[in-house]
PDB file of N, CA and C in Angstrom:
ATOM      1  N   UNK A   1       5.267 -17.915  -3.816  1.00  0.00           N
ATOM      2  CA  UNK A   1       4.044 -17.456  -4.452  1.00  0.00           C
ATOM      3  C   UNK A   1       2.864 -17.807  -3.544  1.00  0.00           C
ATOM      4  N   UNK A   2       1.976 -16.840  -3.320  1.00  0.00           N
ATOM      5  CA  UNK A   2       0.859 -17.067  -2.420  1.00  0.00           C
ATOM      6  C   UNK A   2      -0.212 -17.927  -3.093  1.00  0.00           C
ATOM      7  N   UNK A   3      -1.022 -18.548  -2.258  1.00  0.00           N
ATOM      8  CA  UNK A   3      -2.081 -19.421  -2.765  1.00  0.00           C
ATOM      9  C   UNK A   3      -3.357 -18.609  -2.975  1.00  0.00           C
ATOM     10  N   UNK A   4      -3.375 -17.818  -4.058  1.00  0.00           N
ATOM     11  CA  UNK A   4      -4.526 -16.989  -4.384  1.00  0.00           C
ATOM     12  C   UNK A   4      -4.841 -17.166  -5.864  1.00  0.00           C
ATOM     13  N   UNK A   5      -6.118 -17.363  -6.183  1.00  0.00           N
ATOM     14  CA  UNK A   5      -6.542 -17.493  -7.574  1.00  0.00           C
ATOM     15  C   UNK A   5      -6.552 -16.117  -8.228  1.00  0.00           C
ATOM     16  N   UNK A   6      -6.011 -16.021  -9.438  1.00  0.00           N
ATOM     17  CA  UNK A   6      -5.949 -14.752 -10.161  1.00  0.00           C
ATOM     18  C   UNK A   6      -7.322 -14.287 -10.621  1.00  0.00           C
ATOM     19  N   UNK A   7      -8.240 -15.210 -10.859  1.00  0.00           N
ATOM     20  CA  UNK A   7      -9.554 -14.871 -11.402  1.00  0.00           C
ATOM     21  C   UNK A   7     -10.577 -14.646 -10.290  1.00  0.00           C
ATOM     22  N   UNK A   8     -10.758 -15.637  -9.432  1.00  0.00           N
ATOM     23  CA  UNK A   8     -11.820 -15.572  -8.428  1.00  0.00           C
ATOM     24  C   UNK A   8     -11.367 -14.938  -7.117  1.00  0.00           C
ATOM     25  N   UNK A   9     -10.061 -14.876  -6.875  1.00  0.00           N
ATOM     26  CA  UNK A   9      -9.560 -14.326  -5.617  1.00  0.00           C
ATOM     27  C   UNK A   9      -9.656 -15.303  -4.463  1.00  0.00           C
ATOM     28  N   UNK A  10      -9.933 -16.580  -4.762  1.00  0.00           N
ATOM     29  CA  UNK A  10     -10.032 -17.601  -3.717  1.00  0.00           C
ATOM     30  C   UNK A  10      -8.679 -17.739  -3.039  1.00  0.00           C
ATOM     31  N   UNK A  11      -8.687 -17.803  -1.721  1.00  0.00           N
ATOM     32  CA  UNK A  11      -7.449 -17.933  -0.963  1.00  0.00           C
ATOM     33  C   UNK A  11      -7.630 -18.935   0.161  1.00  0.00           C
ATOM     34  N   UNK A  12      -6.545 -19.233   0.865  1.00  0.00           N
ATOM     35  CA  UNK A  12      -6.599 -20.181   1.969  1.00  0.00           C
ATOM     36  C   UNK A  12      -7.491 -19.605   3.063  1.00  0.00           C
ATOM     37  N   UNK A  13      -8.438 -20.424   3.544  1.00  0.00           N
ATOM     38  CA  UNK A  13      -9.278 -20.012   4.660  1.00  0.00           C
ATOM     39  C   UNK A  13      -9.092 -21.018   5.791  1.00  0.00           C
ATOM     40  N   UNK A  14      -9.426 -20.588   6.993  1.00  0.00           N
ATOM     41  CA  UNK A  14      -9.216 -21.450   8.144  1.00  0.00           C
ATOM     42  C   UNK A  14     -10.544 -21.932   8.697  1.00  0.00           C
ATOM     43  N   UNK A  15     -10.467 -23.035   9.411  1.00  0.00           N
ATOM     44  CA  UNK A  15     -11.646 -23.610  10.030  1.00  0.00           C
ATOM     45  C   UNK A  15     -11.213 -24.512  11.167  1.00  0.00           C
ATOM     46  N   UNK A  16     -12.100 -25.371  11.589  1.00  0.00           N
ATOM     47  CA  UNK A  16     -11.788 -26.289  12.687  1.00  0.00           C
ATOM     48  C   UNK A  16     -12.234 -27.701  12.335  1.00  0.00           C
ATOM     49  N   UNK A  17     -11.501 -28.654  12.871  1.00  0.00           N
ATOM     50  CA  UNK A  17     -11.848 -30.069  12.755  1.00  0.00           C
ATOM     51  C   UNK A  17     -12.226 -30.536  14.156  1.00  0.00           C
ATOM     52  N   UNK A  18     -13.309 -31.262  14.264  1.00  0.00           N
ATOM     53  CA  UNK A  18     -13.780 -31.730  15.569  1.00  0.00           C
ATOM     54  C   UNK A  18     -13.241 -33.130  15.822  1.00  0.00           C
ATOM     55  N   UNK A  19     -12.554 -33.310  16.960  1.00  0.00           N
ATOM     56  CA  UNK A  19     -12.070 -34.623  17.357  1.00  0.00           C
ATOM     57  C   UNK A  19     -13.101 -35.266  18.278  1.00  0.00           C
ATOM     58  N   UNK A  20     -13.449 -36.502  17.971  1.00  0.00           N
ATOM     59  CA  UNK A  20     -14.426 -37.228  18.780  1.00  0.00           C
ATOM     60  C   UNK A  20     -13.806 -38.538  19.256  1.00  0.00           C
ATOM     61  N   UNK A  21     -14.188 -38.973  20.440  1.00  0.00           N
ATOM     62  CA  UNK A  21     -13.718 -40.257  20.950  1.00  0.00           C
ATOM     63  C   UNK A  21     -14.913 -41.083  21.401  1.00  0.00           C
ATOM     64  N   UNK A  22     -14.711 -42.368  21.553  1.00  0.00           N
ATOM     65  CA  UNK A  22     -15.767 -43.254  22.019  1.00  0.00           C
ATOM     66  C   UNK A  22     -16.365 -44.060  20.891  1.00  0.00           C
ATOM     67  N   UNK A  23     -17.138 -45.049  21.268  1.00  0.00           N
ATOM     68  CA  UNK A  23     -17.780 -45.943  20.320  1.00  0.00           C
ATOM     69  C   UNK A  23     -19.235 -45.538  20.150  1.00  0.00           C
ATOM     70  N   UNK A  24     -19.715 -45.518  18.925  1.00  0.00           N
ATOM     71  CA  UNK A  24     -21.087 -45.110  18.635  1.00  0.00           C
ATOM     72  C   UNK A  24     -22.098 -46.020  19.336  1.00  0.00           C
ATOM     73  N   UNK A  25     -23.232 -45.457  19.710  1.00  0.00           N
ATOM     74  CA  UNK A  25     -24.291 -46.243  20.369  1.00  0.00           C
ATOM     75  C   UNK A  25     -24.771 -47.381  19.485  1.00  0.00           C
ATOM     76  N   UNK A  26     -24.816 -47.105  18.188  1.00  0.00           N
ATOM     77  CA  UNK A  26     -25.250 -48.115  17.227  1.00  0.00           C
ATOM     78  C   UNK A  26     -24.356 -49.353  17.269  1.00  0.00           C
ATOM     79  N   UNK A  27     -23.083 -49.144  17.638  1.00  0.00           N
ATOM     80  CA  UNK A  27     -22.129 -50.261  17.676  1.00  0.00           C
ATOM     81  C   UNK A  27     -21.930 -50.801  19.088  1.00  0.00           C
ATOM     82  N   UNK A  28     -22.790 -50.392  20.012  1.00  0.00           N
ATOM     83  CA  UNK A  28     -22.723 -50.947  21.356  1.00  0.00           C
ATOM     84  C   UNK A  28     -21.987 -50.097  22.361  1.00  0.00           C
ATOM     85  N   UNK A  29     -21.601 -48.893  21.996  1.00  0.00           N
ATOM     86  CA  UNK A  29     -20.881 -48.019  22.922  1.00  0.00           C
ATOM     87  C   UNK A  29     -21.813 -47.075  23.649  1.00  0.00           C
ATOM     88  N   UNK A  30     -21.230 -46.121  24.365  1.00  0.00           N
ATOM     89  CA  UNK A  30     -22.031 -45.146  25.103  1.00  0.00           C
ATOM     90  C   UNK A  30     -22.213 -43.853  24.313  1.00  0.00           C
ATOM     91  N   UNK A  31     -21.694 -43.802  23.115  1.00  0.00           N
ATOM     92  CA  UNK A  31     -21.862 -42.618  22.265  1.00  0.00           C
ATOM     93  C   UNK A  31     -20.554 -41.896  22.030  1.00  0.00           C
ATOM     94  N   UNK A  32     -20.520 -41.132  20.974  1.00  0.00           N
ATOM     95  CA  UNK A  32     -19.319 -40.376  20.610  1.00  0.00           C
ATOM     96  C   UNK A  32     -19.331 -39.042  21.346  1.00  0.00           C
ATOM     97  N   UNK A  33     -18.185 -38.627  21.861  1.00  0.00           N
ATOM     98  CA  UNK A  33     -18.084 -37.377  22.611  1.00  0.00           C
ATOM     99  C   UNK A  33     -17.045 -36.467  21.961  1.00  0.00           C
ATOM    100  N   UNK A  34     -17.351 -35.187  21.926  1.00  0.00           N
ATOM    101  CA  UNK A  34     -16.409 -34.206  21.401  1.00  0.00           C
ATOM    102  C   UNK A  34     -15.346 -33.982  22.460  1.00  0.00           C
ATOM    103  N   UNK A  35     -14.071 -34.207  22.094  1.00  0.00           N
ATOM    104  CA  UNK A  35     -12.992 -34.037  23.057  1.00  0.00           C
ATOM    105  C   UNK A  35     -12.250 -32.722  22.846  1.00  0.00           C
ATOM    106  N   UNK A  36     -12.083 -32.292  21.594  1.00  0.00           N
ATOM    107  CA  UNK A  36     -11.429 -31.011  21.337  1.00  0.00           C
ATOM    108  C   UNK A  36     -11.637 -30.616  19.885  1.00  0.00           C
ATOM    109  N   UNK A  37     -11.309 -29.380  19.570  1.00  0.00           N
ATOM    110  CA  UNK A  37     -11.326 -28.913  18.185  1.00  0.00           C
ATOM    111  C   UNK A  37      -9.915 -28.501  17.810  1.00  0.00           C
ATOM    112  N   UNK A  38      -9.563 -28.746  16.556  1.00  0.00           N
ATOM    113  CA  UNK A  38      -8.210 -28.491  16.062  1.00  0.00           C
ATOM    114  C   UNK A  38      -8.309 -27.606  14.830  1.00  0.00           C
ATOM    115  N   UNK A  39      -7.417 -26.615  14.734  1.00  0.00           N
ATOM    116  CA  UNK A  39      -7.418 -25.731  13.575  1.00  0.00           C
ATOM    117  C   UNK A  39      -6.991 -26.483  12.324  1.00  0.00           C
ATOM    118  N   UNK A  40      -7.541 -26.071  11.189  1.00  0.00           N
ATOM    119  CA  UNK A  40      -7.149 -26.640   9.900  1.00  0.00           C
ATOM    120  C   UNK A  40      -7.280 -25.571   8.832  1.00  0.00           C
ATOM    121  N   UNK A  41      -6.788 -25.882   7.625  1.00  0.00           N
ATOM    122  CA  UNK A  41      -6.848 -24.942   6.514  1.00  0.00           C
ATOM    123  C   UNK A  41      -7.600 -25.551   5.342  1.00  0.00           C
ATOM    124  N   UNK A  42      -8.392 -24.713   4.675  1.00  0.00           N
ATOM    125  CA  UNK A  42      -9.061 -25.097   3.442  1.00  0.00           C
ATOM    126  C   UNK A  42      -8.312 -24.412   2.309  1.00  0.00           C
ATOM    127  N   UNK A  43      -7.672 -25.190   1.439  1.00  0.00           N
ATOM    128  CA  UNK A  43      -6.841 -24.630   0.384  1.00  0.00           C
ATOM    129  C   UNK A  43      -7.560 -24.686  -0.961  1.00  0.00           C
ATOM    130  N   UNK A  44      -7.475 -23.615  -1.756  1.00  0.00           N
ATOM    131  CA  UNK A  44      -8.113 -23.637  -3.080  1.00  0.00           C
ATOM    132  C   UNK A  44      -7.392 -24.594  -4.013  1.00  0.00           C
ATOM    133  N   UNK A  45      -8.120 -25.115  -4.986  1.00  0.00           N
ATOM    134  CA  UNK A  45      -7.583 -26.067  -5.953  1.00  0.00           C
ATOM    135  C   UNK A  45      -6.894 -25.284  -7.077  1.00  0.00           C
ATOM    136  N   UNK A  46      -5.627 -24.895  -6.843  1.00  0.00           N
ATOM    137  CA  UNK A  46      -4.912 -24.017  -7.776  1.00  0.00           C
ATOM    138  C   UNK A  46      -4.079 -24.782  -8.793  1.00  0.00           C
ATOM    139  N   UNK A  47      -3.988 -24.203  -9.990  1.00  0.00           N
ATOM    140  CA  UNK A  47      -3.169 -24.727 -11.078  1.00  0.00           C
ATOM    141  C   UNK A  47      -2.408 -23.571 -11.716  1.00  0.00           C
ATOM    142  N   UNK A  48      -1.186 -23.834 -12.149  1.00  0.00           N
ATOM    143  CA  UNK A  48      -0.448 -22.866 -12.959  1.00  0.00           C
ATOM    144  C   UNK A  48      -0.756 -23.190 -14.415  1.00  0.00           C
ATOM    145  N   UNK A  49      -1.413 -22.278 -15.118  1.00  0.00           N
ATOM    146  CA  UNK A  49      -1.875 -22.553 -16.480  1.00  0.00           C
ATOM    147  C   UNK A  49      -1.388 -21.471 -17.446  1.00  0.00           C
ATOM    148  N   UNK A  50      -1.205 -21.895 -18.692  1.00  0.00           N
ATOM    149  CA  UNK A  50      -1.002 -20.963 -19.803  1.00  0.00           C
ATOM    150  C   UNK A  50      -2.305 -20.943 -20.580  1.00  0.00           C
ATOM    151  N   UNK A  51      -2.946 -19.771 -20.636  1.00  0.00           N
ATOM    152  CA  UNK A  51      -4.229 -19.659 -21.316  1.00  0.00           C
ATOM    153  C   UNK A  51      -4.024 -18.921 -22.630  1.00  0.00           C
ATOM    154  N   UNK A  52      -4.487 -19.528 -23.721  1.00  0.00           N
ATOM    155  CA  UNK A  52      -4.375 -18.911 -25.045  1.00  0.00           C
ATOM    156  C   UNK A  52      -5.450 -17.836 -25.186  1.00  0.00           C
ATOM    157  N   UNK A  53      -5.024 -16.625 -25.565  1.00  0.00           N
ATOM    158  CA  UNK A  53      -5.960 -15.515 -25.783  1.00  0.00           C
ATOM    159  C   UNK A  53      -5.918 -15.174 -27.270  1.00  0.00           C
ATOM    160  N   UNK A  54      -6.937 -15.584 -28.034  1.00  0.00           N
ATOM    161  CA  UNK A  54      -6.918 -15.375 -29.485  1.00  0.00           C
ATOM    162  C   UNK A  54      -6.885 -13.891 -29.884  1.00  0.00           C
ATOM    163  N   UNK A  55      -7.538 -13.033 -29.092  1.00  0.00           N
ATOM    164  CA  UNK A  55      -7.565 -11.600 -29.415  1.00  0.00           C
ATOM    165  C   UNK A  55      -6.171 -10.972 -29.356  1.00  0.00           C
ATOM    166  N   UNK A  56      -5.323 -11.499 -28.471  1.00  0.00           N
ATOM    167  CA  UNK A  56      -3.956 -10.979 -28.350  1.00  0.00           C
ATOM    168  C   UNK A  56      -2.959 -11.791 -29.162  1.00  0.00           C
ATOM    169  N   UNK A  57      -3.355 -13.005 -29.516  1.00  0.00           N
ATOM    170  CA  UNK A  57      -2.465 -13.889 -30.273  1.00  0.00           C
ATOM    171  C   UNK A  57      -1.307 -14.405 -29.451  1.00  0.00           C
ATOM    172  N   UNK A  58      -1.505 -14.575 -28.151  1.00  0.00           N
ATOM    173  CA  UNK A  58      -0.431 -15.075 -27.286  1.00  0.00           C
ATOM    174  C   UNK A  58      -1.011 -15.791 -26.071  1.00  0.00           C
ATOM    175  N   UNK A  59      -0.116 -16.475 -25.344  1.00  0.00           N
ATOM    176  CA  UNK A  59      -0.485 -17.136 -24.109  1.00  0.00           C
ATOM    177  C   UNK A  59      -0.309 -16.166 -22.945  1.00  0.00           C
ATOM    178  N   UNK A  60      -1.136 -16.356 -21.909  1.00  0.00           N
ATOM    179  CA  UNK A  60      -1.003 -15.595 -20.673  1.00  0.00           C
ATOM    180  C   UNK A  60      -0.875 -16.597 -19.543  1.00  0.00           C
ATOM    181  N   UNK A  61       0.167 -16.441 -18.714  1.00  0.00           N
ATOM    182  CA  UNK A  61       0.372 -17.344 -17.577  1.00  0.00           C
ATOM    183  C   UNK A  61      -0.413 -16.832 -16.378  1.00  0.00           C
ATOM    184  N   UNK A  62      -1.194 -17.729 -15.767  1.00  0.00           N
ATOM    185  CA  UNK A  62      -1.985 -17.362 -14.600  1.00  0.00           C
ATOM    186  C   UNK A  62      -1.957 -18.490 -13.582  1.00  0.00           C
ATOM    187  N   UNK A  63      -2.155 -18.142 -12.330  1.00  0.00           N
ATOM    188  CA  UNK A  63      -2.357 -19.133 -11.269  1.00  0.00           C
ATOM    189  C   UNK A  63      -3.846 -19.114 -10.984  1.00  0.00           C
ATOM    190  N   UNK A  64      -4.515 -20.194 -11.335  1.00  0.00           N
ATOM    191  CA  UNK A  64      -5.972 -20.180 -11.402  1.00  0.00           C
ATOM    192  C   UNK A  64      -6.545 -21.407 -10.708  1.00  0.00           C
ATOM    193  N   UNK A  65      -7.690 -21.229 -10.056  1.00  0.00           N
ATOM    194  CA  UNK A  65      -8.364 -22.343  -9.401  1.00  0.00           C
ATOM    195  C   UNK A  65      -9.203 -23.095 -10.433  1.00  0.00           C
ATOM    196  N   UNK A  66      -9.667 -24.267 -10.060  1.00  0.00           N
ATOM    197  CA  UNK A  66     -10.495 -25.070 -10.961  1.00  0.00           C
ATOM    198  C   UNK A  66     -11.786 -24.323 -11.282  1.00  0.00           C
ATOM    199  N   UNK A  67     -12.351 -23.631 -10.315  1.00  0.00           N
ATOM    200  CA  UNK A  67     -13.568 -22.860 -10.553  1.00  0.00           C
ATOM    201  C   UNK A  67     -13.287 -21.685 -11.484  1.00  0.00           C
ATOM    202  N   UNK A  68     -12.122 -21.054 -11.332  1.00  0.00           N
ATOM    203  CA  UNK A  68     -11.740 -19.956 -12.211  1.00  0.00           C
ATOM    204  C   UNK A  68     -11.554 -20.426 -13.643  1.00  0.00           C
ATOM    205  N   UNK A  69     -11.041 -21.641 -13.803  1.00  0.00           N
ATOM    206  CA  UNK A  69     -10.852 -22.209 -15.137  1.00  0.00           C
ATOM    207  C   UNK A  69     -12.190 -22.452 -15.814  1.00  0.00           C
ATOM    208  N   UNK A  70     -13.182 -22.886 -15.037  1.00  0.00           N
ATOM    209  CA  UNK A  70     -14.527 -23.064 -15.583  1.00  0.00           C
ATOM    210  C   UNK A  70     -15.120 -21.721 -15.996  1.00  0.00           C
ATOM    211  N   UNK A  71     -14.801 -20.664 -15.259  1.00  0.00           N
ATOM    212  CA  UNK A  71     -15.265 -19.319 -15.599  1.00  0.00           C
ATOM    213  C   UNK A  71     -14.656 -18.867 -16.918  1.00  0.00           C
ATOM    214  N   UNK A  72     -13.361 -19.155 -17.111  1.00  0.00           N
ATOM    215  CA  UNK A  72     -12.686 -18.804 -18.365  1.00  0.00           C
ATOM    216  C   UNK A  72     -13.322 -19.558 -19.525  1.00  0.00           C
ATOM    217  N   UNK A  73     -13.619 -20.833 -19.340  1.00  0.00           N
ATOM    218  CA  UNK A  73     -14.245 -21.627 -20.398  1.00  0.00           C
ATOM    219  C   UNK A  73     -15.634 -21.113 -20.749  1.00  0.00           C
ATOM    220  N   UNK A  74     -16.358 -20.643 -19.741  1.00  0.00           N
ATOM    221  CA  UNK A  74     -17.720 -20.182 -19.963  1.00  0.00           C
ATOM    222  C   UNK A  74     -17.761 -18.791 -20.612  1.00  0.00           C
ATOM    223  N   UNK A  75     -17.010 -17.839 -20.080  1.00  0.00           N
ATOM    224  CA  UNK A  75     -17.101 -16.442 -20.507  1.00  0.00           C
ATOM    225  C   UNK A  75     -16.080 -16.034 -21.556  1.00  0.00           C
ATOM    226  N   UNK A  76     -15.067 -16.873 -21.782  1.00  0.00           N
ATOM    227  CA  UNK A  76     -14.022 -16.527 -22.736  1.00  0.00           C
ATOM    228  C   UNK A  76     -12.790 -15.988 -22.025  1.00  0.00           C
ATOM    229  N   UNK A  77     -11.630 -16.275 -22.608  1.00  0.00           N
ATOM    230  CA  UNK A  77     -10.364 -15.919 -21.970  1.00  0.00           C
ATOM    231  C   UNK A  77     -10.162 -14.410 -21.906  1.00  0.00           C
ATOM    232  N   UNK A  78     -10.374 -13.713 -23.021  1.00  0.00           N
ATOM    233  CA  UNK A  78     -10.076 -12.273 -23.072  1.00  0.00           C
ATOM    234  C   UNK A  78     -10.935 -11.497 -22.081  1.00  0.00           C
ATOM    235  N   UNK A  79     -12.239 -11.758 -22.079  1.00  0.00           N
ATOM    236  CA  UNK A  79     -13.170 -11.029 -21.214  1.00  0.00           C
ATOM    237  C   UNK A  79     -12.852 -11.277 -19.733  1.00  0.00           C
ATOM    238  N   UNK A  80     -12.612 -12.536 -19.382  1.00  0.00           N
ATOM    239  CA  UNK A  80     -12.368 -12.899 -17.983  1.00  0.00           C
ATOM    240  C   UNK A  80     -11.058 -12.311 -17.485  1.00  0.00           C
ATOM    241  N   UNK A  81      -9.995 -12.436 -18.284  1.00  0.00           N
ATOM    242  CA  UNK A  81      -8.694 -11.907 -17.871  1.00  0.00           C
ATOM    243  C   UNK A  81      -8.704 -10.382 -17.816  1.00  0.00           C
ATOM    244  N   UNK A  82      -9.460  -9.757 -18.699  1.00  0.00           N
ATOM    245  CA  UNK A  82      -9.574  -8.292 -18.712  1.00  0.00           C
ATOM    246  C   UNK A  82     -10.251  -7.810 -17.433  1.00  0.00           C
ATOM    247  N   UNK A  83     -11.345  -8.477 -17.023  1.00  0.00           N
ATOM    248  CA  UNK A  83     -12.049  -8.104 -15.797  1.00  0.00           C
ATOM    249  C   UNK A  83     -11.186  -8.302 -14.562  1.00  0.00           C
ATOM    250  N   UNK A  84     -10.309  -9.328 -14.592  1.00  0.00           N
ATOM    251  CA  UNK A  84      -9.423  -9.599 -13.457  1.00  0.00           C
ATOM    252  C   UNK A  84      -8.225  -8.663 -13.445  1.00  0.00           C
ATOM    253  N   UNK A  85      -8.020  -7.898 -14.515  1.00  0.00           N
ATOM    254  CA  UNK A  85      -6.902  -6.958 -14.583  1.00  0.00           C
ATOM    255  C   UNK A  85      -5.575  -7.613 -14.905  1.00  0.00           C
ATOM    256  N   UNK A  86      -5.618  -8.764 -15.564  1.00  0.00           N
ATOM    257  CA  UNK A  86      -4.382  -9.477 -15.899  1.00  0.00           C
ATOM    258  C   UNK A  86      -3.849  -9.107 -17.272  1.00  0.00           C
ATOM    259  N   UNK A  87      -4.698  -8.497 -18.124  1.00  0.00           N
ATOM    260  CA  UNK A  87      -4.233  -8.036 -19.432  1.00  0.00           C
ATOM    261  C   UNK A  87      -4.755  -6.629 -19.683  1.00  0.00           C
TER     262      UNK A  87
END
């Protein structure tokens, strides 16, 4: 199963981490120097949830991020899932 939120569409994105070497000037060194950059991934905070939809009288299983869950709490389950095309 891919790491994609059903509501917000958040997915894994890529970025870089900067590697530095040396001792900071504040601590008596000659300063920190950038030696290289390394690829990394930013992963969404996903959860597998069963959301109760009162209008349908049943649970709906979704893979949802923490931000998507806050959206469901704010706007209501039926409206949010309907807009996402899950029901």
